[in-house]
Amino acid sequence: MHTANELRKIQVPHGKVTWQIDRNVNTTNVCIANCKFCNFFRRPGHEDSYITDIETYKQKIDRYTVLYSYRCSKLCSRHP
């Protein structure tokens, strides 16, 4: 974090700092990739797996963009 702040001071010498709120809307947590860094995915058939239907997905996007977000990203897993 210290290094990032020092680089920011070089790149933005006037000191004005802004940030962007970014929300990730997931369509599913079912994945077969087995990435070593991901603690989010569930294997097909797992009791905690889900697939979001299109209407719920639209509602999530509407809620996030209206309430707090300037940007909404779609995350994808490698669904079988």
N, C-alpha and C. Protein backbone atom coordinates (compact mmCIF):
# COMPACT_ATOMS: atom_id res chain seq x y z
N MET A 1 0.83 -1.18 0.00
CA MET A 1 0.00 0.00 0.00
C MET A 1 0.88 1.26 0.00
N HIS A 2 1.96 1.21 0.73
CA HIS A 2 2.88 2.34 0.78
C HIS A 2 3.44 2.64 -0.61
N THR A 3 3.86 1.59 -1.32
CA THR A 3 4.42 1.77 -2.66
C THR A 3 3.38 2.36 -3.60
N ALA A 4 2.16 1.87 -3.54
CA ALA A 4 1.09 2.40 -4.38
C ALA A 4 0.85 3.87 -4.10
N ASN A 5 0.88 4.26 -2.84
CA ASN A 5 0.67 5.66 -2.48
C ASN A 5 1.82 6.54 -2.98
N GLU A 6 3.04 6.04 -2.91
CA GLU A 6 4.19 6.80 -3.42
C GLU A 6 4.09 6.97 -4.92
N LEU A 7 3.70 5.94 -5.63
CA LEU A 7 3.52 6.05 -7.08
C LEU A 7 2.40 7.03 -7.42
N ARG A 8 1.34 7.01 -6.63
CA ARG A 8 0.25 7.96 -6.85
C ARG A 8 0.74 9.39 -6.70
N LYS A 9 1.57 9.64 -5.71
CA LYS A 9 2.10 11.00 -5.50
C LYS A 9 2.91 11.48 -6.69
N ILE A 10 3.61 10.58 -7.34
CA ILE A 10 4.38 10.94 -8.54
C ILE A 10 3.45 11.21 -9.71
N GLN A 11 2.47 10.35 -9.90
CA GLN A 11 1.57 10.46 -11.05
C GLN A 11 0.51 11.54 -10.87
N VAL A 12 0.16 11.86 -9.63
CA VAL A 12 -0.87 12.85 -9.35
C VAL A 12 -0.29 13.85 -8.35
N PRO A 13 0.61 14.71 -8.80
CA PRO A 13 1.32 15.60 -7.87
C PRO A 13 0.43 16.64 -7.20
N HIS A 14 -0.71 16.96 -7.79
CA HIS A 14 -1.58 17.98 -7.17
C HIS A 14 -2.31 17.45 -5.94
N GLY A 15 -2.27 16.16 -5.70
CA GLY A 15 -2.81 15.59 -4.48
C GLY A 15 -4.29 15.25 -4.50
N LYS A 16 -4.98 15.57 -5.59
CA LYS A 16 -6.40 15.26 -5.65
C LYS A 16 -6.58 13.77 -5.94
N VAL A 17 -7.32 13.10 -5.07
CA VAL A 17 -7.53 11.67 -5.20
C VAL A 17 -9.03 11.40 -5.31
N THR A 18 -9.39 10.56 -6.24
CA THR A 18 -10.78 10.14 -6.39
C THR A 18 -10.82 8.62 -6.42
N TRP A 19 -11.99 8.07 -6.32
CA TRP A 19 -12.13 6.63 -6.44
C TRP A 19 -13.44 6.33 -7.13
N GLN A 20 -13.54 5.12 -7.58
CA GLN A 20 -14.73 4.68 -8.28
C GLN A 20 -15.31 3.48 -7.54
N ILE A 21 -16.59 3.53 -7.33
CA ILE A 21 -17.27 2.38 -6.73
C ILE A 21 -17.64 1.43 -7.86
N ASP A 22 -17.22 0.22 -7.73
CA ASP A 22 -17.46 -0.79 -8.76
C ASP A 22 -18.16 -1.98 -8.12
N ARG A 23 -19.28 -2.35 -8.64
CA ARG A 23 -20.02 -3.50 -8.12
C ARG A 23 -19.93 -4.65 -9.12
N ASN A 24 -19.70 -5.83 -8.61
CA ASN A 24 -19.64 -7.01 -9.45
C ASN A 24 -20.93 -7.80 -9.26
N VAL A 25 -21.63 -8.00 -10.35
CA VAL A 25 -22.88 -8.74 -10.31
C VAL A 25 -22.61 -10.13 -10.88
N ASN A 26 -22.79 -11.12 -10.07
CA ASN A 26 -22.50 -12.49 -10.48
C ASN A 26 -23.76 -13.18 -11.00
N THR A 27 -23.60 -13.87 -12.11
CA THR A 27 -24.72 -14.63 -12.65
C THR A 27 -24.76 -16.04 -12.07
N THR A 28 -23.61 -16.53 -11.66
CA THR A 28 -23.53 -17.88 -11.10
C THR A 28 -22.23 -18.02 -10.31
N ASN A 29 -22.21 -18.97 -9.42
CA ASN A 29 -20.95 -19.31 -8.75
C ASN A 29 -20.53 -20.73 -9.13
N VAL A 30 -21.23 -21.34 -10.08
CA VAL A 30 -20.90 -22.67 -10.55
C VAL A 30 -19.72 -22.56 -11.52
N CYS A 31 -18.67 -23.32 -11.23
CA CYS A 31 -17.46 -23.21 -12.06
C CYS A 31 -16.69 -24.52 -12.03
N ILE A 32 -16.01 -24.80 -13.15
CA ILE A 32 -15.20 -26.01 -13.25
C ILE A 32 -13.72 -25.69 -13.43
N ALA A 33 -13.33 -24.42 -13.32
CA ALA A 33 -11.94 -24.02 -13.59
C ALA A 33 -10.96 -24.46 -12.51
N ASN A 34 -11.39 -24.53 -11.26
CA ASN A 34 -10.53 -24.93 -10.15
C ASN A 34 -9.32 -24.00 -9.99
N CYS A 35 -9.56 -22.68 -10.10
CA CYS A 35 -8.49 -21.71 -9.89
C CYS A 35 -8.01 -21.78 -8.44
N LYS A 36 -6.73 -21.65 -8.23
CA LYS A 36 -6.16 -21.78 -6.88
C LYS A 36 -6.46 -20.57 -6.00
N PHE A 37 -6.77 -19.42 -6.58
CA PHE A 37 -7.01 -18.20 -5.82
C PHE A 37 -8.47 -17.96 -5.48
N CYS A 38 -9.38 -18.68 -6.10
CA CYS A 38 -10.81 -18.39 -5.96
C CYS A 38 -11.43 -19.17 -4.80
N ASN A 39 -12.07 -18.44 -3.91
CA ASN A 39 -12.77 -19.07 -2.81
C ASN A 39 -14.28 -18.91 -2.98
N PHE A 40 -14.67 -18.44 -4.14
CA PHE A 40 -16.06 -18.10 -4.42
C PHE A 40 -16.81 -19.24 -5.11
N PHE A 41 -16.15 -19.97 -5.99
CA PHE A 41 -16.83 -20.92 -6.85
C PHE A 41 -17.38 -22.13 -6.10
N ARG A 42 -18.35 -22.77 -6.73
CA ARG A 42 -18.88 -24.05 -6.25
C ARG A 42 -18.95 -24.99 -7.45
N ARG A 43 -18.69 -26.23 -7.20
CA ARG A 43 -18.78 -27.26 -8.24
C ARG A 43 -20.24 -27.48 -8.63
N PRO A 44 -20.48 -27.93 -9.86
CA PRO A 44 -21.85 -28.24 -10.26
C PRO A 44 -22.48 -29.24 -9.29
N GLY A 45 -23.70 -28.94 -8.86
CA GLY A 45 -24.43 -29.81 -7.95
C GLY A 45 -24.18 -29.54 -6.47
N HIS A 46 -23.24 -28.65 -6.15
CA HIS A 46 -22.97 -28.32 -4.75
C HIS A 46 -24.19 -27.65 -4.15
N GLU A 47 -24.46 -27.88 -2.87
CA GLU A 47 -25.67 -27.34 -2.24
C GLU A 47 -25.69 -25.81 -2.18
N ASP A 48 -24.53 -25.16 -2.22
CA ASP A 48 -24.47 -23.69 -2.20
C ASP A 48 -24.34 -23.06 -3.58
N SER A 49 -24.42 -23.86 -4.63
CA SER A 49 -24.30 -23.30 -5.99
C SER A 49 -25.59 -22.59 -6.38
N TYR A 50 -25.46 -21.61 -7.26
CA TYR A 50 -26.65 -20.90 -7.74
C TYR A 50 -26.45 -20.40 -9.15
N ILE A 51 -27.54 -20.19 -9.84
CA ILE A 51 -27.58 -19.53 -11.14
C ILE A 51 -28.67 -18.48 -11.04
N THR A 52 -28.31 -17.24 -11.29
CA THR A 52 -29.26 -16.13 -11.17
C THR A 52 -30.12 -16.05 -12.43
N ASP A 53 -31.43 -16.01 -12.26
CA ASP A 53 -32.31 -15.85 -13.42
C ASP A 53 -32.22 -14.40 -13.93
N ILE A 54 -32.63 -14.20 -15.15
CA ILE A 54 -32.44 -12.91 -15.81
C ILE A 54 -33.17 -11.76 -15.10
N GLU A 55 -34.35 -12.00 -14.58
CA GLU A 55 -35.10 -10.92 -13.89
C GLU A 55 -34.39 -10.49 -12.61
N THR A 56 -33.89 -11.45 -11.84
CA THR A 56 -33.15 -11.13 -10.62
C THR A 56 -31.86 -10.39 -10.97
N TYR A 57 -31.20 -10.82 -12.04
CA TYR A 57 -29.97 -10.17 -12.50
C TYR A 57 -30.25 -8.70 -12.86
N LYS A 58 -31.32 -8.45 -13.59
CA LYS A 58 -31.69 -7.07 -13.95
C LYS A 58 -31.98 -6.24 -12.70
N GLN A 59 -32.68 -6.82 -11.73
CA GLN A 59 -32.98 -6.10 -10.49
C GLN A 59 -31.70 -5.74 -9.73
N LYS A 60 -30.75 -6.66 -9.68
CA LYS A 60 -29.47 -6.38 -9.00
C LYS A 60 -28.74 -5.23 -9.68
N ILE A 61 -28.69 -5.24 -11.00
CA ILE A 61 -28.02 -4.18 -11.73
C ILE A 61 -28.71 -2.85 -11.46
N ASP A 62 -30.03 -2.82 -11.54
CA ASP A 62 -30.77 -1.58 -11.27
C ASP A 62 -30.50 -1.07 -9.87
N ARG A 63 -30.53 -1.95 -8.89
CA ARG A 63 -30.31 -1.56 -7.49
C ARG A 63 -28.90 -1.01 -7.29
N TYR A 64 -27.91 -1.70 -7.83
CA TYR A 64 -26.53 -1.26 -7.65
C TYR A 64 -26.26 0.08 -8.33
N THR A 65 -26.75 0.24 -9.55
CA THR A 65 -26.45 1.47 -10.27
C THR A 65 -27.21 2.66 -9.70
N VAL A 66 -28.40 2.45 -9.19
CA VAL A 66 -29.17 3.55 -8.60
C VAL A 66 -28.63 3.93 -7.22
N LEU A 67 -28.33 2.94 -6.40
CA LEU A 67 -27.93 3.23 -5.03
C LEU A 67 -26.49 3.70 -4.87
N TYR A 68 -25.55 2.98 -5.45
CA TYR A 68 -24.19 3.35 -5.13
C TYR A 68 -23.16 3.24 -6.22
N SER A 69 -23.46 2.87 -7.37
CA SER A 69 -22.39 2.55 -8.29
C SER A 69 -22.42 3.38 -9.56
N TYR A 70 -21.23 3.69 -10.02
CA TYR A 70 -21.09 4.32 -11.32
C TYR A 70 -20.77 3.27 -12.37
N ARG A 71 -20.31 2.14 -11.93
CA ARG A 71 -19.92 1.09 -12.86
C ARG A 71 -20.36 -0.26 -12.30
N CYS A 72 -20.90 -1.08 -13.16
CA CYS A 72 -21.35 -2.40 -12.76
C CYS A 72 -20.67 -3.41 -13.68
N SER A 73 -19.96 -4.36 -13.12
CA SER A 73 -19.22 -5.34 -13.90
C SER A 73 -19.90 -6.70 -13.82
N LYS A 74 -19.76 -7.43 -14.88
CA LYS A 74 -20.29 -8.80 -14.91
C LYS A 74 -19.12 -9.75 -14.73
N LEU A 75 -19.21 -10.60 -13.73
CA LEU A 75 -18.20 -11.62 -13.53
C LEU A 75 -18.72 -12.94 -14.05
N CYS A 76 -17.85 -13.69 -14.64
CA CYS A 76 -18.25 -14.99 -15.18
C CYS A 76 -17.34 -16.08 -14.64
N SER A 77 -17.94 -17.19 -14.39
CA SER A 77 -17.16 -18.37 -14.06
C SER A 77 -17.14 -19.25 -15.30
N ARG A 78 -16.46 -20.34 -15.21
CA ARG A 78 -16.47 -21.30 -16.32
C ARG A 78 -17.53 -22.34 -16.02
N HIS A 79 -18.76 -21.94 -16.30
CA HIS A 79 -19.91 -22.81 -16.06
C HIS A 79 -19.86 -23.95 -17.09
N PRO A 80 -20.12 -25.17 -16.63
CA PRO A 80 -20.03 -26.32 -17.56
C PRO A 80 -21.06 -26.28 -18.67
